[in-house]
């Protein structure tokens, strides 16, 4: 009697996942020790070979043992494979005596350049690659009083290294914070003019040396840390107003 070989059902694989991804992709911090997770799949068994690919380049593999079955496999992507830009990652599963089966791809963005440039010290809170905010000459000389508050208070944030679309800037006014809209292509390469809301200035109150600074977080979560602060005098609640 001739026996017909029993065909295996086609594997249904899910895309790999990257728990370290932030927002839309991978930043510099995650790239230093990047790991890709491959979840359990149907017909998972001892002897399966899992091969990981990064941008169509083979990067790592694992041969499953009995203790691996039913659990997530974690494979490391060497930092040497990572470059800024769009990339796709996927894996293949090869069962004994069968052809490899490819998973769907996971597409993401890699950005290794941090806003303001790479920090000299990992411990400090300031980034010297970011210029302090600037005010108009009159504001710097006389500060902000009630009259100036009515006219409006503008802050300028200069261009910075690795400025990019979707960067999100947070302005810190004293102890208060204000998130600005993400940068568009028209913003990149130009100084950012910010009209500070009067309600924010009133809430922060008077201060002879109010510190103003900002930080930038890019599309993949790279954090610039805070720019060197700029001090300004605010006197809007006291009995007297400073002439502008």
C-alpha atoms as a PDB file:
ATOM      1  CA  UNK A   1       0.000   0.000   0.000  1.00  0.00           C
ATOM      2  CA  UNK A   2       1.331   3.393  -1.002  1.00  0.00           C
ATOM      3  CA  UNK A   3       1.112   6.025   1.717  1.00  0.00           C
ATOM      4  CA  UNK A   4       0.515   9.607   0.707  1.00  0.00           C
ATOM      5  CA  UNK A   5       2.631  12.094   2.708  1.00  0.00           C
ATOM      6  CA  UNK A   6       0.597  14.123   5.137  1.00  0.00           C
ATOM      7  CA  UNK A   7       0.895  17.816   4.304  1.00  0.00           C
ATOM      8  CA  UNK A   8       1.304  20.285   7.134  1.00  0.00           C
ATOM      9  CA  UNK A   9      -1.181  23.158   7.404  1.00  0.00           C
ATOM     10  CA  UNK A  10       0.297  26.492   6.347  1.00  0.00           C
ATOM     11  CA  UNK A  11       1.711  28.394   9.312  1.00  0.00           C
ATOM     12  CA  UNK A  12      -0.113  31.589  10.151  1.00  0.00           C
ATOM     13  CA  UNK A  13       2.486  33.931  11.616  1.00  0.00           C
ATOM     14  CA  UNK A  14       2.045  37.374  13.144  1.00  0.00           C
ATOM     15  CA  UNK A  15       4.486  40.253  12.564  1.00  0.00           C
ATOM     16  CA  UNK A  16       7.326  40.586  15.077  1.00  0.00           C
ATOM     17  CA  UNK A  17       6.966  43.207  17.804  1.00  0.00           C
ATOM     18  CA  UNK A  18       9.423  45.677  19.336  1.00  0.00           C
ATOM     19  CA  UNK A  19       8.400  46.598  22.890  1.00  0.00           C
ATOM     20  CA  UNK A  20      11.191  49.206  23.013  1.00  0.00           C
ATOM     21  CA  UNK A  21       9.680  51.209  20.160  1.00  0.00           C
ATOM     22  CA  UNK A  22       8.475  54.658  21.186  1.00  0.00           C
ATOM     23  CA  UNK A  23       5.758  56.571  19.327  1.00  0.00           C
ATOM     24  CA  UNK A  24       6.557  55.828  15.682  1.00  0.00           C
ATOM     25  CA  UNK A  25       9.812  53.914  15.949  1.00  0.00           C
ATOM     26  CA  UNK A  26      13.204  53.351  17.498  1.00  0.00           C
ATOM     27  CA  UNK A  27      15.332  56.072  19.070  1.00  0.00           C
ATOM     28  CA  UNK A  28      18.967  56.216  20.127  1.00  0.00           C
ATOM     29  CA  UNK A  29      18.374  54.810  23.625  1.00  0.00           C
ATOM     30  CA  UNK A  30      16.488  51.723  22.416  1.00  0.00           C
ATOM     31  CA  UNK A  31      18.950  51.148  19.577  1.00  0.00           C
ATOM     32  CA  UNK A  32      21.776  50.521  22.025  1.00  0.00           C
ATOM     33  CA  UNK A  33      20.195  47.200  23.058  1.00  0.00           C
ATOM     34  CA  UNK A  34      17.374  46.473  20.629  1.00  0.00           C
ATOM     35  CA  UNK A  35      15.401  43.246  20.971  1.00  0.00           C
ATOM     36  CA  UNK A  36      12.679  41.843  18.714  1.00  0.00           C
ATOM     37  CA  UNK A  37       9.899  39.687  20.176  1.00  0.00           C
ATOM     38  CA  UNK A  38       8.388  36.799  18.219  1.00  0.00           C
ATOM     39  CA  UNK A  39       5.207  35.492  19.797  1.00  0.00           C
ATOM     40  CA  UNK A  40       4.078  31.850  19.955  1.00  0.00           C
ATOM     41  CA  UNK A  41       2.448  30.545  16.772  1.00  0.00           C
ATOM     42  CA  UNK A  42       0.280  27.523  15.869  1.00  0.00           C
ATOM     43  CA  UNK A  43       2.100  24.202  15.441  1.00  0.00           C
ATOM     44  CA  UNK A  44       5.096  25.587  17.374  1.00  0.00           C
ATOM     45  CA  UNK A  45       7.401  22.687  18.271  1.00  0.00           C
ATOM     46  CA  UNK A  46      10.891  21.665  19.289  1.00  0.00           C
ATOM     47  CA  UNK A  47      13.357  21.867  16.400  1.00  0.00           C
ATOM     48  CA  UNK A  48      11.776  24.876  14.684  1.00  0.00           C
ATOM     49  CA  UNK A  49      14.346  27.313  13.355  1.00  0.00           C
ATOM     50  CA  UNK A  50      13.455  31.021  13.680  1.00  0.00           C
ATOM     51  CA  UNK A  51      15.534  33.451  11.626  1.00  0.00           C
ATOM     52  CA  UNK A  52      15.239  37.217  12.084  1.00  0.00           C
ATOM     53  CA  UNK A  53      15.754  39.692   9.242  1.00  0.00           C
ATOM     54  CA  UNK A  54      16.287  43.446   9.489  1.00  0.00           C
ATOM     55  CA  UNK A  55      15.829  45.307   6.212  1.00  0.00           C
ATOM     56  CA  UNK A  56      16.177  41.982   4.311  1.00  0.00           C
ATOM     57  CA  UNK A  57      19.510  41.265   6.070  1.00  0.00           C
ATOM     58  CA  UNK A  58      19.801  38.214   8.295  1.00  0.00           C
ATOM     59  CA  UNK A  59      20.673  39.280  11.851  1.00  0.00           C
ATOM     60  CA  UNK A  60      19.966  36.432  14.294  1.00  0.00           C
ATOM     61  CA  UNK A  61      18.358  33.021  14.743  1.00  0.00           C
ATOM     62  CA  UNK A  62      17.291  30.557  17.407  1.00  0.00           C
ATOM     63  CA  UNK A  63      16.579  26.793  17.346  1.00  0.00           C
ATOM     64  CA  UNK A  64      13.620  26.024  19.600  1.00  0.00           C
ATOM     65  CA  UNK A  65      13.925  23.537  22.433  1.00  0.00           C
ATOM     66  CA  UNK A  66      11.050  21.914  24.344  1.00  0.00           C
ATOM     67  CA  UNK A  67      11.165  24.675  26.959  1.00  0.00           C
ATOM     68  CA  UNK A  68      10.737  27.359  24.252  1.00  0.00           C
ATOM     69  CA  UNK A  69       7.449  25.980  22.924  1.00  0.00           C
ATOM     70  CA  UNK A  70       4.494  28.203  23.813  1.00  0.00           C
ATOM     71  CA  UNK A  71       6.694  31.129  24.812  1.00  0.00           C
ATOM     72  CA  UNK A  72       7.856  34.355  23.165  1.00  0.00           C
ATOM     73  CA  UNK A  73      11.246  34.187  21.457  1.00  0.00           C
ATOM     74  CA  UNK A  74      13.485  37.229  21.893  1.00  0.00           C
ATOM     75  CA  UNK A  75      16.242  38.002  19.379  1.00  0.00           C
ATOM     76  CA  UNK A  76      18.828  40.782  19.550  1.00  0.00           C
ATOM     77  CA  UNK A  77      19.516  43.223  16.704  1.00  0.00           C
ATOM     78  CA  UNK A  78      23.186  44.338  16.737  1.00  0.00           C
ATOM     79  CA  UNK A  79      23.609  48.111  16.770  1.00  0.00           C
ATOM     80  CA  UNK A  80      25.778  47.852  13.636  1.00  0.00           C
ATOM     81  CA  UNK A  81      22.648  47.006  11.604  1.00  0.00           C
ATOM     82  CA  UNK A  82      20.802  50.153  12.647  1.00  0.00           C
ATOM     83  CA  UNK A  83      20.714  53.249  10.474  1.00  0.00           C
ATOM     84  CA  UNK A  84      18.333  56.189  10.529  1.00  0.00           C
ATOM     85  CA  UNK A  85      15.381  55.871   8.158  1.00  0.00           C
ATOM     86  CA  UNK A  86      12.439  53.599   7.414  1.00  0.00           C
ATOM     87  CA  UNK A  87      13.019  49.877   7.855  1.00  0.00           C
ATOM     88  CA  UNK A  88      11.054  46.630   7.949  1.00  0.00           C
ATOM     89  CA  UNK A  89      11.778  43.591  10.082  1.00  0.00           C
ATOM     90  CA  UNK A  90      10.369  40.076   9.755  1.00  0.00           C
ATOM     91  CA  UNK A  91      11.254  36.478  10.573  1.00  0.00           C
ATOM     92  CA  UNK A  92      11.121  33.051   8.966  1.00  0.00           C
ATOM     93  CA  UNK A  93      10.136  29.764  10.586  1.00  0.00           C
ATOM     94  CA  UNK A  94      11.567  26.543   9.180  1.00  0.00           C
ATOM     95  CA  UNK A  95      10.208  23.233  10.401  1.00  0.00           C
ATOM     96  CA  UNK A  96      12.146  20.005   9.981  1.00  0.00           C
ATOM     97  CA  UNK A  97      11.609  18.746   6.446  1.00  0.00           C
ATOM     98  CA  UNK A  98       9.626  21.816   5.381  1.00  0.00           C
ATOM     99  CA  UNK A  99      10.215  25.022   3.440  1.00  0.00           C
ATOM    100  CA  UNK A 100      10.671  28.302   5.385  1.00  0.00           C
ATOM    101  CA  UNK A 101       7.537  30.355   6.067  1.00  0.00           C
ATOM    102  CA  UNK A 102       7.914  34.122   6.215  1.00  0.00           C
ATOM    103  CA  UNK A 103       6.013  36.334   8.648  1.00  0.00           C
ATOM    104  CA  UNK A 104       4.382  39.667   7.753  1.00  0.00           C
ATOM    105  CA  UNK A 105       6.736  42.622   8.174  1.00  0.00           C
ATOM    106  CA  UNK A 106       6.761  45.179  10.948  1.00  0.00           C
ATOM    107  CA  UNK A 107       7.563  48.591   9.430  1.00  0.00           C
ATOM    108  CA  UNK A 108       8.996  51.341  11.583  1.00  0.00           C
ATOM    109  CA  UNK A 109      11.178  54.433  11.658  1.00  0.00           C
ATOM    110  CA  UNK A 110      14.699  54.532  13.121  1.00  0.00           C
ATOM    111  CA  UNK A 111      16.186  57.868  14.187  1.00  0.00           C
ATOM    112  CA  UNK A 112      19.537  57.827  15.952  1.00  0.00           C
ATOM    113  CA  UNK A 113      20.212  61.586  15.837  1.00  0.00           C
ATOM    114  CA  UNK A 114      18.814  63.313  18.935  1.00  0.00           C
ATOM    115  CA  UNK A 115      17.460  66.901  18.877  1.00  0.00           C
ATOM    116  CA  UNK A 116      20.200  69.317  19.861  1.00  0.00           C
ATOM    117  CA  UNK A 117      22.910  66.762  19.141  1.00  0.00           C
ATOM    118  CA  UNK A 118      24.295  64.028  21.342  1.00  0.00           C
ATOM    119  CA  UNK A 119      24.691  64.969  24.995  1.00  0.00           C
ATOM    120  CA  UNK A 120      28.217  65.360  26.317  1.00  0.00           C
ATOM    121  CA  UNK A 121      27.173  63.970  29.714  1.00  0.00           C
ATOM    122  CA  UNK A 122      24.466  61.395  30.312  1.00  0.00           C
ATOM    123  CA  UNK A 123      23.916  62.711  33.839  1.00  0.00           C
ATOM    124  CA  UNK A 124      23.290  66.416  33.214  1.00  0.00           C
ATOM    125  CA  UNK A 125      19.863  67.956  32.667  1.00  0.00           C
ATOM    126  CA  UNK A 126      21.047  70.694  30.273  1.00  0.00           C
ATOM    127  CA  UNK A 127      21.843  70.342  26.590  1.00  0.00           C
ATOM    128  CA  UNK A 128      24.379  72.911  25.447  1.00  0.00           C
ATOM    129  CA  UNK A 129      23.471  72.135  21.842  1.00  0.00           C
ATOM    130  CA  UNK A 130      20.223  74.051  22.356  1.00  0.00           C
ATOM    131  CA  UNK A 131      20.374  77.852  22.449  1.00  0.00           C
ATOM    132  CA  UNK A 132      18.535  79.640  25.290  1.00  0.00           C
ATOM    133  CA  UNK A 133      15.222  81.241  24.345  1.00  0.00           C
ATOM    134  CA  UNK A 134      15.347  84.930  23.400  1.00  0.00           C
ATOM    135  CA  UNK A 135      12.941  87.807  24.047  1.00  0.00           C
ATOM    136  CA  UNK A 136      12.646  91.198  22.388  1.00  0.00           C
ATOM    137  CA  UNK A 137      15.142  93.831  23.528  1.00  0.00           C
ATOM    138  CA  UNK A 138      12.492  95.805  25.437  1.00  0.00           C
ATOM    139  CA  UNK A 139      11.338  92.714  27.321  1.00  0.00           C
ATOM    140  CA  UNK A 140      14.887  91.782  28.235  1.00  0.00           C
ATOM    141  CA  UNK A 141      15.594  95.298  29.507  1.00  0.00           C
ATOM    142  CA  UNK A 142      12.362  96.073  31.372  1.00  0.00           C
ATOM    143  CA  UNK A 143      10.722  92.708  31.909  1.00  0.00           C
ATOM    144  CA  UNK A 144       7.016  91.955  31.629  1.00  0.00           C
ATOM    145  CA  UNK A 145       4.441  94.264  33.220  1.00  0.00           C
ATOM    146  CA  UNK A 146       0.667  94.600  32.803  1.00  0.00           C
ATOM    147  CA  UNK A 147       1.002  96.848  29.779  1.00  0.00           C
ATOM    148  CA  UNK A 148       3.395  94.487  28.019  1.00  0.00           C
ATOM    149  CA  UNK A 149       1.153  91.551  28.844  1.00  0.00           C
ATOM    150  CA  UNK A 150      -1.673  93.226  26.910  1.00  0.00           C
ATOM    151  CA  UNK A 151       0.623  93.758  23.909  1.00  0.00           C
ATOM    152  CA  UNK A 152       1.675  90.134  23.949  1.00  0.00           C
ATOM    153  CA  UNK A 153       4.835  88.294  24.931  1.00  0.00           C
ATOM    154  CA  UNK A 154       6.813  86.558  22.208  1.00  0.00           C
ATOM    155  CA  UNK A 155       9.578  84.018  22.767  1.00  0.00           C
ATOM    156  CA  UNK A 156      11.978  82.885  20.038  1.00  0.00           C
ATOM    157  CA  UNK A 157      13.422  79.374  19.937  1.00  0.00           C
ATOM    158  CA  UNK A 158      16.411  79.221  17.618  1.00  0.00           C
ATOM    159  CA  UNK A 159      17.147  76.397  15.188  1.00  0.00           C
ATOM    160  CA  UNK A 160      18.987  73.425  16.685  1.00  0.00           C
ATOM    161  CA  UNK A 161      20.989  70.413  15.441  1.00  0.00           C
ATOM    162  CA  UNK A 162      18.889  67.565  14.004  1.00  0.00           C
ATOM    163  CA  UNK A 163      15.743  69.703  13.842  1.00  0.00           C
ATOM    164  CA  UNK A 164      13.074  67.604  12.103  1.00  0.00           C
ATOM    165  CA  UNK A 165       9.425  67.328  11.161  1.00  0.00           C
ATOM    166  CA  UNK A 166       7.190  66.083  14.023  1.00  0.00           C
ATOM    167  CA  UNK A 167       9.540  67.384  16.725  1.00  0.00           C
ATOM    168  CA  UNK A 168       7.479  68.372  19.772  1.00  0.00           C
ATOM    169  CA  UNK A 169       8.714  71.322  21.845  1.00  0.00           C
ATOM    170  CA  UNK A 170       7.728  71.845  25.476  1.00  0.00           C
ATOM    171  CA  UNK A 171       8.207  75.381  26.821  1.00  0.00           C
ATOM    172  CA  UNK A 172       8.831  75.661  30.559  1.00  0.00           C
ATOM    173  CA  UNK A 173       7.728  78.994  32.027  1.00  0.00           C
ATOM    174  CA  UNK A 174       8.820  79.012  35.653  1.00  0.00           C
ATOM    175  CA  UNK A 175       7.239  75.861  37.096  1.00  0.00           C
ATOM    176  CA  UNK A 176       4.621  75.573  34.340  1.00  0.00           C
ATOM    177  CA  UNK A 177       4.877  73.718  31.050  1.00  0.00           C
ATOM    178  CA  UNK A 178       3.233  74.342  27.692  1.00  0.00           C
ATOM    179  CA  UNK A 179       3.354  71.868  24.781  1.00  0.00           C
ATOM    180  CA  UNK A 180       3.653  73.404  21.317  1.00  0.00           C
ATOM    181  CA  UNK A 181       2.210  71.799  18.148  1.00  0.00           C
ATOM    182  CA  UNK A 182       4.543  69.346  16.343  1.00  0.00           C
ATOM    183  CA  UNK A 183       6.862  70.973  13.815  1.00  0.00           C
ATOM    184  CA  UNK A 184       5.875  70.919  10.157  1.00  0.00           C
ATOM    185  CA  UNK A 185       8.226  70.920   7.181  1.00  0.00           C
ATOM    186  CA  UNK A 186       7.891  74.709   6.928  1.00  0.00           C
ATOM    187  CA  UNK A 187       9.215  75.078  10.492  1.00  0.00           C
ATOM    188  CA  UNK A 188      12.400  73.068   9.985  1.00  0.00           C
ATOM    189  CA  UNK A 189      15.465  75.252   9.521  1.00  0.00           C
ATOM    190  CA  UNK A 190      13.792  78.385  10.871  1.00  0.00           C
ATOM    191  CA  UNK A 191      13.554  79.958  14.323  1.00  0.00           C
ATOM    192  CA  UNK A 192      10.260  79.245  16.104  1.00  0.00           C
ATOM    193  CA  UNK A 193       8.279  82.310  17.176  1.00  0.00           C
ATOM    194  CA  UNK A 194       6.045  81.528  20.150  1.00  0.00           C
ATOM    195  CA  UNK A 195       3.314  83.828  21.454  1.00  0.00           C
ATOM    196  CA  UNK A 196       3.087  82.958  25.145  1.00  0.00           C
ATOM    197  CA  UNK A 197      -0.536  82.785  26.364  1.00  0.00           C
ATOM    198  CA  UNK A 198      -1.333  85.505  28.953  1.00  0.00           C
ATOM    199  CA  UNK A 199      -3.119  82.900  31.103  1.00  0.00           C
ATOM    200  CA  UNK A 200       0.159  80.980  31.445  1.00  0.00           C
ATOM    201  CA  UNK A 201       2.044  84.128  32.497  1.00  0.00           C
ATOM    202  CA  UNK A 202      -0.651  85.074  35.016  1.00  0.00           C
ATOM    203  CA  UNK A 203      -0.733  81.586  36.505  1.00  0.00           C
ATOM    204  CA  UNK A 204       3.052  81.547  36.999  1.00  0.00           C
ATOM    205  CA  UNK A 205       2.814  84.963  38.699  1.00  0.00           C
ATOM    206  CA  UNK A 206       5.432  87.571  39.531  1.00  0.00           C
ATOM    207  CA  UNK A 207       9.090  86.678  39.697  1.00  0.00           C
ATOM    208  CA  UNK A 208      12.216  88.839  39.575  1.00  0.00           C
ATOM    209  CA  UNK A 209      14.146  86.022  37.928  1.00  0.00           C
ATOM    210  CA  UNK A 210      11.636  83.733  36.227  1.00  0.00           C
ATOM    211  CA  UNK A 211      13.429  80.996  34.301  1.00  0.00           C
ATOM    212  CA  UNK A 212      12.275  80.097  30.795  1.00  0.00           C
ATOM    213  CA  UNK A 213      13.587  77.082  28.896  1.00  0.00           C
ATOM    214  CA  UNK A 214      12.422  74.293  26.579  1.00  0.00           C
ATOM    215  CA  UNK A 215      13.086  70.721  25.541  1.00  0.00           C
ATOM    216  CA  UNK A 216      12.440  68.759  22.337  1.00  0.00           C
ATOM    217  CA  UNK A 217      11.116  65.224  21.845  1.00  0.00           C
ATOM    218  CA  UNK A 218      11.272  63.846  18.310  1.00  0.00           C
ATOM    219  CA  UNK A 219       8.979  61.430  16.484  1.00  0.00           C
ATOM    220  CA  UNK A 220      10.626  58.324  17.976  1.00  0.00           C
ATOM    221  CA  UNK A 221      10.962  59.615  21.535  1.00  0.00           C
ATOM    222  CA  UNK A 222      14.538  60.967  21.525  1.00  0.00           C
ATOM    223  CA  UNK A 223      14.650  63.600  24.272  1.00  0.00           C
ATOM    224  CA  UNK A 224      16.931  66.633  23.961  1.00  0.00           C
ATOM    225  CA  UNK A 225      16.734  67.476  27.681  1.00  0.00           C
ATOM    226  CA  UNK A 226      16.423  71.120  28.685  1.00  0.00           C
ATOM    227  CA  UNK A 227      18.083  74.048  26.980  1.00  0.00           C
ATOM    228  CA  UNK A 228      20.081  76.481  29.166  1.00  0.00           C
ATOM    229  CA  UNK A 229      17.499  78.712  30.857  1.00  0.00           C
ATOM    230  CA  UNK A 230      16.913  82.431  30.297  1.00  0.00           C
ATOM    231  CA  UNK A 231      15.744  84.675  33.182  1.00  0.00           C
ATOM    232  CA  UNK A 232      13.205  87.465  32.842  1.00  0.00           C
ATOM    233  CA  UNK A 233      11.467  89.785  35.312  1.00  0.00           C
ATOM    234  CA  UNK A 234       7.702  89.438  35.583  1.00  0.00           C
ATOM    235  CA  UNK A 235       5.673  92.054  37.509  1.00  0.00           C
ATOM    236  CA  UNK A 236       1.996  91.871  36.593  1.00  0.00           C
ATOM    237  CA  UNK A 237       0.366  91.286  39.972  1.00  0.00           C
ATOM    238  CA  UNK A 238       2.181  93.876  42.128  1.00  0.00           C
ATOM    239  CA  UNK A 239       0.981  97.416  42.865  1.00  0.00           C
ATOM    240  CA  UNK A 240       3.403  99.009  40.410  1.00  0.00           C
ATOM    241  CA  UNK A 241       4.078  98.360  36.730  1.00  0.00           C
ATOM    242  CA  UNK A 242       7.478  98.582  35.116  1.00  0.00           C
ATOM    243  CA  UNK A 243       7.523 100.911  32.090  1.00  0.00           C
ATOM    244  CA  UNK A 244       8.132  99.078  28.835  1.00  0.00           C
END
